[in-house]
PDB file of N, CA and C in Angstrom:
ATOM      1  N   MET A   1     206.593 151.223 -33.128  1.00  0.00           N
ATOM      2  CA  MET A   1     207.430 150.493 -32.196  1.00  0.00           C
ATOM      3  C   MET A   1     208.790 151.184 -32.135  1.00  0.00           C
ATOM      4  N   SER A   2     209.232 151.532 -30.951  1.00  0.00           N
ATOM      5  CA  SER A   2     210.513 152.214 -30.805  1.00  0.00           C
ATOM      6  C   SER A   2     211.654 151.207 -30.863  1.00  0.00           C
ATOM      7  N   GLU A   3     212.849 151.720 -31.074  1.00  0.00           N
ATOM      8  CA  GLU A   3     214.035 150.869 -31.170  1.00  0.00           C
ATOM      9  C   GLU A   3     214.245 150.039 -29.913  1.00  0.00           C
ATOM     10  N   GLU A   4     213.814 150.537 -28.786  1.00  0.00           N
ATOM     11  CA  GLU A   4     214.007 149.847 -27.517  1.00  0.00           C
ATOM     12  C   GLU A   4     213.051 148.678 -27.315  1.00  0.00           C
ATOM     13  N   GLU A   5     212.108 148.484 -28.223  1.00  0.00           N
ATOM     14  CA  GLU A   5     211.108 147.443 -28.038  1.00  0.00           C
ATOM     15  C   GLU A   5     211.371 146.202 -28.880  1.00  0.00           C
ATOM     16  N   TYR A   6     212.463 146.172 -29.585  1.00  0.00           N
ATOM     17  CA  TYR A   6     212.777 144.993 -30.374  1.00  0.00           C
ATOM     18  C   TYR A   6     214.251 144.638 -30.211  1.00  0.00           C
ATOM     19  N   VAL A   7     214.580 143.402 -30.564  1.00  0.00           N
ATOM     20  CA  VAL A   7     215.969 142.965 -30.499  1.00  0.00           C
ATOM     21  C   VAL A   7     216.548 142.966 -31.910  1.00  0.00           C
ATOM     22  N   GLN A   8     217.857 142.827 -31.952  1.00  0.00           N
ATOM     23  CA  GLN A   8     218.552 142.848 -33.228  1.00  0.00           C
ATOM     24  C   GLN A   8     219.685 141.835 -33.183  1.00  0.00           C
ATOM     25  N   CYS A   9     219.842 141.111 -34.266  1.00  0.00           N
ATOM     26  CA  CYS A   9     220.969 140.201 -34.405  1.00  0.00           C
ATOM     27  C   CYS A   9     222.199 141.041 -34.756  1.00  0.00           C
ATOM     28  N   PRO A  10     223.391 140.621 -34.331  1.00  0.00           N
ATOM     29  CA  PRO A  10     224.596 141.359 -34.726  1.00  0.00           C
ATOM     30  C   PRO A  10     224.767 141.498 -36.245  1.00  0.00           C
ATOM     31  N   CYS A  11     224.101 140.644 -37.027  1.00  0.00           N
ATOM     32  CA  CYS A  11     224.179 140.755 -38.491  1.00  0.00           C
ATOM     33  C   CYS A  11     223.385 141.954 -39.001  1.00  0.00           C
ATOM     34  N   GLY A  12     222.574 142.558 -38.119  1.00  0.00           N
ATOM     35  CA  GLY A  12     221.787 143.726 -38.491  1.00  0.00           C
ATOM     36  C   GLY A  12     220.294 143.458 -38.589  1.00  0.00           C
ATOM     37  N   ARG A  13     219.901 142.204 -38.618  1.00  0.00           N
ATOM     38  CA  ARG A  13     218.480 141.841 -38.760  1.00  0.00           C
ATOM     39  C   ARG A  13     217.706 142.230 -37.505  1.00  0.00           C
ATOM     40  N   ILE A  14     216.671 143.038 -37.685  1.00  0.00           N
ATOM     41  CA  ILE A  14     215.794 143.438 -36.588  1.00  0.00           C
ATOM     42  C   ILE A  14     214.739 142.352 -36.399  1.00  0.00           C
ATOM     43  N   ILE A  15     214.490 141.984 -35.143  1.00  0.00           N
ATOM     44  CA  ILE A  15     213.510 140.944 -34.824  1.00  0.00           C
ATOM     45  C   ILE A  15     212.483 141.560 -33.888  1.00  0.00           C
ATOM     46  N   LYS A  16     211.310 141.863 -34.436  1.00  0.00           N
ATOM     47  CA  LYS A  16     210.252 142.510 -33.666  1.00  0.00           C
ATOM     48  C   LYS A  16     209.307 141.508 -33.023  1.00  0.00           C
ATOM     49  N   ASP A  17     209.221 140.317 -33.600  1.00  0.00           N
ATOM     50  CA  ASP A  17     208.260 139.327 -33.145  1.00  0.00           C
ATOM     51  C   ASP A  17     208.950 137.968 -33.019  1.00  0.00           C
ATOM     52  N   PRO A  18     208.746 137.254 -31.919  1.00  0.00           N
ATOM     53  CA  PRO A  18     209.368 135.936 -31.746  1.00  0.00           C
ATOM     54  C   PRO A  18     208.987 134.931 -32.839  1.00  0.00           C
ATOM     55  N   GLU A  19     207.919 135.195 -33.561  1.00  0.00           N
ATOM     56  CA  GLU A  19     207.512 134.313 -34.661  1.00  0.00           C
ATOM     57  C   GLU A  19     208.513 134.367 -35.826  1.00  0.00           C
ATOM     58  N   GLU A  20     209.356 135.389 -35.843  1.00  0.00           N
ATOM     59  CA  GLU A  20     210.294 135.562 -36.946  1.00  0.00           C
ATOM     60  C   GLU A  20     211.474 134.596 -36.895  1.00  0.00           C
ATOM     61  N   TYR A  21     211.851 134.139 -35.705  1.00  0.00           N
ATOM     62  CA  TYR A  21     212.987 133.222 -35.592  1.00  0.00           C
ATOM     63  C   TYR A  21     212.681 131.921 -36.324  1.00  0.00           C
ATOM     64  N   LYS A  22     213.693 131.321 -36.873  1.00  0.00           N
ATOM     65  CA  LYS A  22     213.548 129.993 -37.457  1.00  0.00           C
ATOM     66  C   LYS A  22     213.904 128.984 -36.372  1.00  0.00           C
ATOM     67  N   VAL A  23     213.121 127.931 -36.295  1.00  0.00           N
ATOM     68  CA  VAL A  23     213.332 126.906 -35.270  1.00  0.00           C
ATOM     69  C   VAL A  23     213.514 125.580 -35.996  1.00  0.00           C
ATOM     70  N   VAL A  24     214.679 124.947 -35.810  1.00  0.00           N
ATOM     71  CA  VAL A  24     214.957 123.681 -36.487  1.00  0.00           C
ATOM     72  C   VAL A  24     215.450 122.631 -35.507  1.00  0.00           C
ATOM     73  N   TYR A  25     215.022 121.418 -35.768  1.00  0.00           N
ATOM     74  CA  TYR A  25     215.378 120.291 -34.923  1.00  0.00           C
ATOM     75  C   TYR A  25     216.361 119.414 -35.682  1.00  0.00           C
ATOM     76  N   LEU A  26     217.647 119.712 -35.536  1.00  0.00           N
ATOM     77  CA  LEU A  26     218.689 118.973 -36.238  1.00  0.00           C
ATOM     78  C   LEU A  26     219.505 118.087 -35.300  1.00  0.00           C
ATOM     79  N   LYS A  27     219.558 118.443 -34.045  1.00  0.00           N
ATOM     80  CA  LYS A  27     220.411 117.737 -33.094  1.00  0.00           C
ATOM     81  C   LYS A  27     219.596 116.707 -32.307  1.00  0.00           C
ATOM     82  N   HIS A  28     219.145 115.677 -33.018  1.00  0.00           N
ATOM     83  CA  HIS A  28     218.284 114.657 -32.418  1.00  0.00           C
ATOM     84  C   HIS A  28     218.935 113.994 -31.211  1.00  0.00           C
ATOM     85  N   GLU A  29     220.182 113.563 -31.379  1.00  0.00           N
ATOM     86  CA  GLU A  29     220.858 112.847 -30.299  1.00  0.00           C
ATOM     87  C   GLU A  29     221.064 113.702 -29.052  1.00  0.00           C
ATOM     88  N   MET A  30     221.112 115.015 -29.230  1.00  0.00           N
ATOM     89  CA  MET A  30     221.309 115.920 -28.087  1.00  0.00           C
ATOM     90  C   MET A  30     219.977 116.417 -27.518  1.00  0.00           C
ATOM     91  N   ARG A  31     218.881 116.073 -28.212  1.00  0.00           N
ATOM     92  CA  ARG A  31     217.554 116.571 -27.828  1.00  0.00           C
ATOM     93  C   ARG A  31     217.595 118.093 -27.678  1.00  0.00           C
ATOM     94  N   GLU A  32     217.999 118.702 -28.770  1.00  0.00           N
ATOM     95  CA  GLU A  32     218.173 120.151 -28.787  1.00  0.00           C
ATOM     96  C   GLU A  32     217.584 120.727 -30.066  1.00  0.00           C
ATOM     97  N   ILE A  33     216.868 121.821 -29.923  1.00  0.00           N
ATOM     98  CA  ILE A  33     216.273 122.539 -31.039  1.00  0.00           C
ATOM     99  C   ILE A  33     217.043 123.844 -31.195  1.00  0.00           C
ATOM    100  N   ASP A  34     217.464 124.141 -32.415  1.00  0.00           N
ATOM    101  CA  ASP A  34     218.210 125.373 -32.674  1.00  0.00           C
ATOM    102  C   ASP A  34     217.265 126.527 -32.961  1.00  0.00           C
ATOM    103  N   ILE A  35     217.602 127.680 -32.414  1.00  0.00           N
ATOM    104  CA  ILE A  35     216.895 128.926 -32.716  1.00  0.00           C
ATOM    105  C   ILE A  35     217.818 129.704 -33.651  1.00  0.00           C
ATOM    106  N   LEU A  36     217.336 129.954 -34.869  1.00  0.00           N
ATOM    107  CA  LEU A  36     218.161 130.590 -35.887  1.00  0.00           C
ATOM    108  C   LEU A  36     217.694 132.010 -36.195  1.00  0.00           C
ATOM    109  N   CYS A  37     218.645 132.818 -36.629  1.00  0.00           N
ATOM    110  CA  CYS A  37     218.340 134.166 -37.088  1.00  0.00           C
ATOM    111  C   CYS A  37     217.461 134.068 -38.335  1.00  0.00           C
ATOM    112  N   PRO A  38     216.479 134.947 -38.466  1.00  0.00           N
ATOM    113  CA  PRO A  38     215.625 134.924 -39.655  1.00  0.00           C
ATOM    114  C   PRO A  38     216.355 135.354 -40.939  1.00  0.00           C
ATOM    115  N   ASN A  39     217.537 135.930 -40.805  1.00  0.00           N
ATOM    116  CA  ASN A  39     218.332 136.355 -41.958  1.00  0.00           C
ATOM    117  C   ASN A  39     219.112 135.144 -42.484  1.00  0.00           C
ATOM    118  N   ASP A  40     218.777 134.675 -43.671  1.00  0.00           N
ATOM    119  CA  ASP A  40     219.423 133.493 -44.237  1.00  0.00           C
ATOM    120  C   ASP A  40     220.923 133.665 -44.466  1.00  0.00           C
ATOM    121  N   SER A  41     221.391 134.900 -44.585  1.00  0.00           N
ATOM    122  CA  SER A  41     222.824 135.124 -44.801  1.00  0.00           C
ATOM    123  C   SER A  41     223.531 135.603 -43.522  1.00  0.00           C
ATOM    124  N   CYS A  42     222.926 135.381 -42.374  1.00  0.00           N
ATOM    125  CA  CYS A  42     223.520 135.768 -41.088  1.00  0.00           C
ATOM    126  C   CYS A  42     224.814 134.994 -40.855  1.00  0.00           C
ATOM    127  N   TYR A  43     225.846 135.675 -40.402  1.00  0.00           N
ATOM    128  CA  TYR A  43     227.113 135.007 -40.139  1.00  0.00           C
ATOM    129  C   TYR A  43     227.101 134.257 -38.804  1.00  0.00           C
ATOM    130  N   LEU A  44     226.222 134.620 -37.887  1.00  0.00           N
ATOM    131  CA  LEU A  44     226.097 133.869 -36.632  1.00  0.00           C
ATOM    132  C   LEU A  44     225.216 132.640 -36.824  1.00  0.00           C
ATOM    133  N   ARG A  45     224.127 132.827 -37.502  1.00  0.00           N
ATOM    134  CA  ARG A  45     223.105 131.817 -37.799  1.00  0.00           C
ATOM    135  C   ARG A  45     222.392 131.322 -36.549  1.00  0.00           C
ATOM    136  N   GLU A  46     223.083 130.584 -35.670  1.00  0.00           N
ATOM    137  CA  GLU A  46     222.446 130.064 -34.451  1.00  0.00           C
ATOM    138  C   GLU A  46     222.466 131.134 -33.371  1.00  0.00           C
ATOM    139  N   LEU A  47     221.278 131.483 -32.889  1.00  0.00           N
ATOM    140  CA  LEU A  47     221.178 132.502 -31.837  1.00  0.00           C
ATOM    141  C   LEU A  47     220.916 131.894 -30.474  1.00  0.00           C
ATOM    142  N   GLY A  48     220.436 130.653 -30.448  1.00  0.00           N
ATOM    143  CA  GLY A  48     220.129 130.025 -29.173  1.00  0.00           C
ATOM    144  C   GLY A  48     219.635 128.604 -29.369  1.00  0.00           C
ATOM    145  N   TYR A  49     219.077 128.055 -28.289  1.00  0.00           N
ATOM    146  CA  TYR A  49     218.628 126.667 -28.321  1.00  0.00           C
ATOM    147  C   TYR A  49     217.519 126.420 -27.307  1.00  0.00           C
ATOM    148  N   ILE A  50     216.820 125.313 -27.519  1.00  0.00           N
ATOM    149  CA  ILE A  50     215.851 124.787 -26.557  1.00  0.00           C
ATOM    150  C   ILE A  50     216.244 123.336 -26.328  1.00  0.00           C
ATOM    151  N   LYS A  51     216.424 122.950 -25.085  1.00  0.00           N
ATOM    152  CA  LYS A  51     216.734 121.559 -24.749  1.00  0.00           C
ATOM    153  C   LYS A  51     215.510 120.923 -24.108  1.00  0.00           C
ATOM    154  N   PHE A  52     215.376 119.625 -24.336  1.00  0.00           N
ATOM    155  CA  PHE A  52     214.239 118.903 -23.779  1.00  0.00           C
ATOM    156  C   PHE A  52     214.647 117.477 -23.442  1.00  0.00           C
ATOM    157  N   ASP A  53     213.828 116.829 -22.661  1.00  0.00           N
ATOM    158  CA  ASP A  53     213.989 115.419 -22.320  1.00  0.00           C
ATOM    159  C   ASP A  53     212.739 114.683 -22.740  1.00  0.00           C
ATOM    160  N   ILE A  54     212.848 113.374 -22.848  1.00  0.00           N
ATOM    161  CA  ILE A  54     211.674 112.537 -23.072  1.00  0.00           C
ATOM    162  C   ILE A  54     211.400 111.828 -21.749  1.00  0.00           C
ATOM    163  N   VAL A  55     210.237 112.109 -21.174  1.00  0.00           N
ATOM    164  CA  VAL A  55     209.845 111.528 -19.896  1.00  0.00           C
ATOM    165  C   VAL A  55     208.513 110.820 -20.090  1.00  0.00           C
ATOM    166  N   ASN A  56     208.502 109.522 -19.823  1.00  0.00           N
ATOM    167  CA  ASN A  56     207.287 108.719 -19.986  1.00  0.00           C
ATOM    168  C   ASN A  56     206.667 108.894 -21.373  1.00  0.00           C
ATOM    169  N   GLY A  57     207.517 108.907 -22.393  1.00  0.00           N
ATOM    170  CA  GLY A  57     207.030 109.007 -23.761  1.00  0.00           C
ATOM    171  C   GLY A  57     206.584 110.394 -24.198  1.00  0.00           C
ATOM    172  N   LYS A  58     206.832 111.406 -23.364  1.00  0.00           N
ATOM    173  CA  LYS A  58     206.431 112.780 -23.715  1.00  0.00           C
ATOM    174  C   LYS A  58     207.646 113.702 -23.676  1.00  0.00           C
ATOM    175  N   ALA A  59     207.669 114.619 -24.638  1.00  0.00           N
ATOM    176  CA  ALA A  59     208.739 115.618 -24.659  1.00  0.00           C
ATOM    177  C   ALA A  59     208.479 116.631 -23.555  1.00  0.00           C
ATOM    178  N   LYS A  60     209.509 116.874 -22.754  1.00  0.00           N
ATOM    179  CA  LYS A  60     209.376 117.806 -21.635  1.00  0.00           C
ATOM    180  C   LYS A  60     210.460 118.871 -21.742  1.00  0.00           C
ATOM    181  N   PHE A  61     210.031 120.120 -21.733  1.00  0.00           N
ATOM    182  CA  PHE A  61     210.951 121.262 -21.793  1.00  0.00           C
ATOM    183  C   PHE A  61     211.978 121.159 -20.675  1.00  0.00           C
ATOM    184  N   LYS A  62     213.230 121.395 -21.011  1.00  0.00           N
ATOM    185  CA  LYS A  62     214.305 121.367 -20.023  1.00  0.00           C
ATOM    186  C   LYS A  62     214.872 122.765 -19.786  1.00  0.00           C
ATOM    187  N   GLU A  63     215.316 123.417 -20.874  1.00  0.00           N
ATOM    188  CA  GLU A  63     215.853 124.776 -20.765  1.00  0.00           C
ATOM    189  C   GLU A  63     215.911 125.424 -22.141  1.00  0.00           C
ATOM    190  N   ALA A  64     215.974 126.731 -22.142  1.00  0.00           N
ATOM    191  CA  ALA A  64     216.130 127.491 -23.379  1.00  0.00           C
ATOM    192  C   ALA A  64     217.037 128.679 -23.081  1.00  0.00           C
ATOM    193  N   SER A  65     217.837 129.017 -24.060  1.00  0.00           N
ATOM    194  CA  SER A  65     218.757 130.123 -23.856  1.00  0.00           C
ATOM    195  C   SER A  65     219.203 130.686 -25.197  1.00  0.00           C
ATOM    196  N   PHE A  66     219.554 131.969 -25.174  1.00  0.00           N
ATOM    197  CA  PHE A  66     220.213 132.574 -26.316  1.00  0.00           C
ATOM    198  C   PHE A  66     221.707 132.564 -26.037  1.00  0.00           C
ATOM    199  N   TYR A  67     222.511 132.494 -27.091  1.00  0.00           N
ATOM    200  CA  TYR A  67     223.961 132.473 -26.945  1.00  0.00           C
ATOM    201  C   TYR A  67     224.494 133.863 -26.596  1.00  0.00           C
ATOM    202  N   PRO A  68     225.645 133.909 -25.893  1.00  0.00           N
ATOM    203  CA  PRO A  68     226.204 135.188 -25.429  1.00  0.00           C
ATOM    204  C   PRO A  68     226.374 136.293 -26.475  1.00  0.00           C
ATOM    205  N   PRO A  69     226.827 136.016 -27.712  1.00  0.00           N
ATOM    206  CA  PRO A  69     226.974 137.150 -28.649  1.00  0.00           C
ATOM    207  C   PRO A  69     225.660 137.897 -28.907  1.00  0.00           C
ATOM    208  N   PHE A  70     224.563 137.152 -29.011  1.00  0.00           N
ATOM    209  CA  PHE A  70     223.250 137.748 -29.244  1.00  0.00           C
ATOM    210  C   PHE A  70     222.785 138.533 -28.018  1.00  0.00           C
ATOM    211  N   VAL A  71     222.970 137.959 -26.852  1.00  0.00           N
ATOM    212  CA  VAL A  71     222.565 138.615 -25.600  1.00  0.00           C
ATOM    213  C   VAL A  71     223.401 139.875 -25.367  1.00  0.00           C
ATOM    214  N   THR A  72     224.707 139.758 -25.538  1.00  0.00           N
ATOM    215  CA  THR A  72     225.610 140.890 -25.298  1.00  0.00           C
ATOM    216  C   THR A  72     225.308 142.035 -26.259  1.00  0.00           C
ATOM    217  N   TRP A  73     225.068 141.710 -27.516  1.00  0.00           N
ATOM    218  CA  TRP A  73     224.747 142.725 -28.523  1.00  0.00           C
ATOM    219  C   TRP A  73     223.510 143.518 -28.107  1.00  0.00           C
ATOM    220  N   ASN A  74     222.478 142.813 -27.687  1.00  0.00           N
ATOM    221  CA  ASN A  74     221.237 143.484 -27.310  1.00  0.00           C
ATOM    222  C   ASN A  74     221.341 144.183 -25.961  1.00  0.00           C
ATOM    223  N   SER A  75     222.128 143.647 -25.060  1.00  0.00           N
ATOM    224  CA  SER A  75     222.357 144.329 -23.778  1.00  0.00           C
ATOM    225  C   SER A  75     223.061 145.659 -24.002  1.00  0.00           C
ATOM    226  N   GLY A  76     223.996 145.687 -24.941  1.00  0.00           N
ATOM    227  CA  GLY A  76     224.694 146.922 -25.273  1.00  0.00           C
ATOM    228  C   GLY A  76     223.767 147.955 -25.905  1.00  0.00           C
ATOM    229  N   ARG A  77     222.815 147.503 -26.695  1.00  0.00           N
ATOM    230  CA  ARG A  77     221.865 148.396 -27.361  1.00  0.00           C
ATOM    231  C   ARG A  77     220.784 148.900 -26.422  1.00  0.00           C
ATOM    232  N   LEU A  78     220.231 147.978 -25.625  1.00  0.00           N
ATOM    233  CA  LEU A  78     219.025 148.264 -24.847  1.00  0.00           C
ATOM    234  C   LEU A  78     219.264 148.443 -23.349  1.00  0.00           C
ATOM    235  N   GLY A  79     220.408 148.017 -22.877  1.00  0.00           N
ATOM    236  CA  GLY A  79     220.649 147.924 -21.441  1.00  0.00           C
ATOM    237  C   GLY A  79     220.348 146.490 -21.016  1.00  0.00           C
ATOM    238  N   ALA A  80     221.100 146.002 -20.047  1.00  0.00           N
ATOM    239  CA  ALA A  80     220.999 144.593 -19.643  1.00  0.00           C
ATOM    240  C   ALA A  80     219.607 144.212 -19.151  1.00  0.00           C
ATOM    241  N   GLU A  81     219.007 145.058 -18.327  1.00  0.00           N
ATOM    242  CA  GLU A  81     217.689 144.715 -17.764  1.00  0.00           C
ATOM    243  C   GLU A  81     216.623 144.600 -18.843  1.00  0.00           C
ATOM    244  N   LYS A  82     216.550 145.588 -19.705  1.00  0.00           N
ATOM    245  CA  LYS A  82     215.526 145.587 -20.749  1.00  0.00           C
ATOM    246  C   LYS A  82     215.744 144.425 -21.731  1.00  0.00           C
ATOM    247  N   ALA A  83     216.996 144.203 -22.115  1.00  0.00           N
ATOM    248  CA  ALA A  83     217.306 143.100 -23.037  1.00  0.00           C
ATOM    249  C   ALA A  83     216.927 141.760 -22.414  1.00  0.00           C
ATOM    250  N   THR A  84     217.215 141.579 -21.142  1.00  0.00           N
ATOM    251  CA  THR A  84     216.888 140.320 -20.459  1.00  0.00           C
ATOM    252  C   THR A  84     215.391 140.073 -20.473  1.00  0.00           C
ATOM    253  N   VAL A  85     214.611 141.085 -20.182  1.00  0.00           N
ATOM    254  CA  VAL A  85     213.148 140.948 -20.169  1.00  0.00           C
ATOM    255  C   VAL A  85     212.630 140.568 -21.556  1.00  0.00           C
ATOM    256  N   ILE A  86     213.079 141.281 -22.578  1.00  0.00           N
ATOM    257  CA  ILE A  86     212.605 141.023 -23.939  1.00  0.00           C
ATOM    258  C   ILE A  86     213.040 139.635 -24.412  1.00  0.00           C
ATOM    259  N   LEU A  87     214.303 139.284 -24.183  1.00  0.00           N
ATOM    260  CA  LEU A  87     214.809 137.996 -24.651  1.00  0.00           C
ATOM    261  C   LEU A  87     214.133 136.827 -23.932  1.00  0.00           C
ATOM    262  N   LYS A  88     213.860 136.970 -22.648  1.00  0.00           N
ATOM    263  CA  LYS A  88     213.143 135.911 -21.920  1.00  0.00           C
ATOM    264  C   LYS A  88     211.739 135.728 -22.493  1.00  0.00           C
ATOM    265  N   GLU A  89     211.097 136.822 -22.807  1.00  0.00           N
ATOM    266  CA  GLU A  89     209.751 136.754 -23.393  1.00  0.00           C
ATOM    267  C   GLU A  89     209.805 136.074 -24.762  1.00  0.00           C
ATOM    268  N   HIS A  90     210.833 136.394 -25.540  1.00  0.00           N
ATOM    269  CA  HIS A  90     210.989 135.748 -26.841  1.00  0.00           C
ATOM    270  C   HIS A  90     211.174 134.240 -26.670  1.00  0.00           C
ATOM    271  N   LEU A  91     212.006 133.829 -25.715  1.00  0.00           N
ATOM    272  CA  LEU A  91     212.226 132.398 -25.487  1.00  0.00           C
ATOM    273  C   LEU A  91     210.932 131.686 -25.096  1.00  0.00           C
ATOM    274  N   LYS A  92     210.141 132.316 -24.244  1.00  0.00           N
ATOM    275  CA  LYS A  92     208.865 131.710 -23.835  1.00  0.00           C
ATOM    276  C   LYS A  92     207.951 131.501 -25.039  1.00  0.00           C
ATOM    277  N   LYS A  93     207.860 132.523 -25.881  1.00  0.00           N
ATOM    278  CA  LYS A  93     206.975 132.430 -27.048  1.00  0.00           C
ATOM    279  C   LYS A  93     207.490 131.424 -28.073  1.00  0.00           C
ATOM    280  N   ILE A  94     208.799 131.338 -28.226  1.00  0.00           N
ATOM    281  CA  ILE A  94     209.377 130.357 -29.154  1.00  0.00           C
ATOM    282  C   ILE A  94     209.088 128.947 -28.645  1.00  0.00           C
ATOM    283  N   ALA A  95     209.262 128.724 -27.351  1.00  0.00           N
ATOM    284  CA  ALA A  95     209.013 127.393 -26.772  1.00  0.00           C
ATOM    285  C   ALA A  95     207.553 126.984 -26.937  1.00  0.00           C
ATOM    286  N   LYS A  96     206.645 127.943 -26.895  1.00  0.00           N
ATOM    287  CA  LYS A  96     205.220 127.631 -27.084  1.00  0.00           C
ATOM    288  C   LYS A  96     204.930 127.195 -28.522  1.00  0.00           C
ATOM    289  N   ARG A  97     205.752 127.638 -29.473  1.00  0.00           N
ATOM    290  CA  ARG A  97     205.567 127.271 -30.881  1.00  0.00           C
ATOM    291  C   ARG A  97     205.957 125.825 -31.171  1.00  0.00           C
ATOM    292  N   VAL A  98     206.787 125.253 -30.322  1.00  0.00           N
ATOM    293  CA  VAL A  98     207.283 123.895 -30.559  1.00  0.00           C
ATOM    294  C   VAL A  98     206.134 122.896 -30.464  1.00  0.00           C
ATOM    295  N   ASP A  99     206.121 121.963 -31.383  1.00  0.00           N
ATOM    296  CA  ASP A  99     205.121 120.897 -31.370  1.00  0.00           C
ATOM    297  C   ASP A  99     205.659 119.775 -30.473  1.00  0.00           C
ATOM    298  N   TRP A 100     205.400 119.884 -29.180  1.00  0.00           N
ATOM    299  CA  TRP A 100     205.956 118.958 -28.193  1.00  0.00           C
ATOM    300  C   TRP A 100     205.462 117.531 -28.400  1.00  0.00           C
ATOM    301  N   ASP A 101     204.221 117.366 -28.824  1.00  0.00           N
ATOM    302  CA  ASP A 101     203.689 116.021 -29.087  1.00  0.00           C
ATOM    303  C   ASP A 101     204.441 115.358 -30.239  1.00  0.00           C
ATOM    304  N   ARG A 102     204.701 116.116 -31.263  1.00  0.00           N
ATOM    305  CA  ARG A 102     205.423 115.571 -32.418  1.00  0.00           C
ATOM    306  C   ARG A 102     206.856 115.215 -32.051  1.00  0.00           C
ATOM    307  N   LEU A 103     207.487 116.006 -31.200  1.00  0.00           N
ATOM    308  CA  LEU A 103     208.849 115.705 -30.758  1.00  0.00           C
ATOM    309  C   LEU A 103     208.895 114.352 -30.061  1.00  0.00           C
ATOM    310  N   ALA A 104     207.917 114.087 -29.233  1.00  0.00           N
ATOM    311  CA  ALA A 104     207.877 112.819 -28.506  1.00  0.00           C
ATOM    312  C   ALA A 104     207.763 111.659 -29.483  1.00  0.00           C
ATOM    313  N   ILE A 105     206.967 111.821 -30.528  1.00  0.00           N
ATOM    314  CA  ILE A 105     206.808 110.763 -31.536  1.00  0.00           C
ATOM    315  C   ILE A 105     208.122 110.572 -32.295  1.00  0.00           C
ATOM    316  N   THR A 106     208.761 111.678 -32.647  1.00  0.00           N
ATOM    317  CA  THR A 106     210.030 111.634 -33.368  1.00  0.00           C
ATOM    318  C   THR A 106     211.094 110.935 -32.544  1.00  0.00           C
ATOM    319  N   GLU A 107     211.077 111.176 -31.242  1.00  0.00           N
ATOM    320  CA  GLU A 107     212.095 110.632 -30.351  1.00  0.00           C
ATOM    321  C   GLU A 107     211.804 109.207 -29.880  1.00  0.00           C
ATOM    322  N   SER A 108     210.581 108.738 -30.043  1.00  0.00           N
ATOM    323  CA  SER A 108     210.229 107.413 -29.556  1.00  0.00           C
ATOM    324  C   SER A 108     211.052 106.343 -30.258  1.00  0.00           C
ATOM    325  N   PRO A 109     211.635 105.452 -29.492  1.00  0.00           N
ATOM    326  CA  PRO A 109     212.440 104.394 -30.116  1.00  0.00           C
ATOM    327  C   PRO A 109     211.543 103.441 -30.889  1.00  0.00           C
ATOM    328  N   SER A 110     211.980 103.086 -32.076  1.00  0.00           N
ATOM    329  CA  SER A 110     211.195 102.161 -32.893  1.00  0.00           C
ATOM    330  C   SER A 110     211.865 100.792 -32.929  1.00  0.00           C
ATOM    331  N   LYS A 111     212.699 100.538 -31.947  1.00  0.00           N
ATOM    332  CA  LYS A 111     213.402  99.255 -31.885  1.00  0.00           C
ATOM    333  C   LYS A 111     212.513  98.206 -31.239  1.00  0.00           C
ATOM    334  N   THR A 112     212.625  96.989 -31.735  1.00  0.00           N
ATOM    335  CA  THR A 112     211.854  95.897 -31.145  1.00  0.00           C
ATOM    336  C   THR A 112     212.742  94.770 -30.739  1.00  0.00           C
TER     337      THR A 112
END
């Protein structure tokens, strides 16, 4: 795999496969999932997010994005067009990893 086929976090961590990102659901009230750098000592830590809504009791994808420092770093390395293509593909694959059914259960109000 050539250098142009993978992304890199500004901390130096190379990310060849979207499976490497850590995905955590900490922002319940915002209905947002954090995409984290796989490097536990990364100074940026959060590289992006996935937002969703609950519609008719089901979690529905709303949007996903990487934050500007991560995008800019990779655009500088790879060129804007190539970085955009790779990062969009990574976001799609990360979103597919999310357990959308479980999110809906987690978000369901248990108030009576």
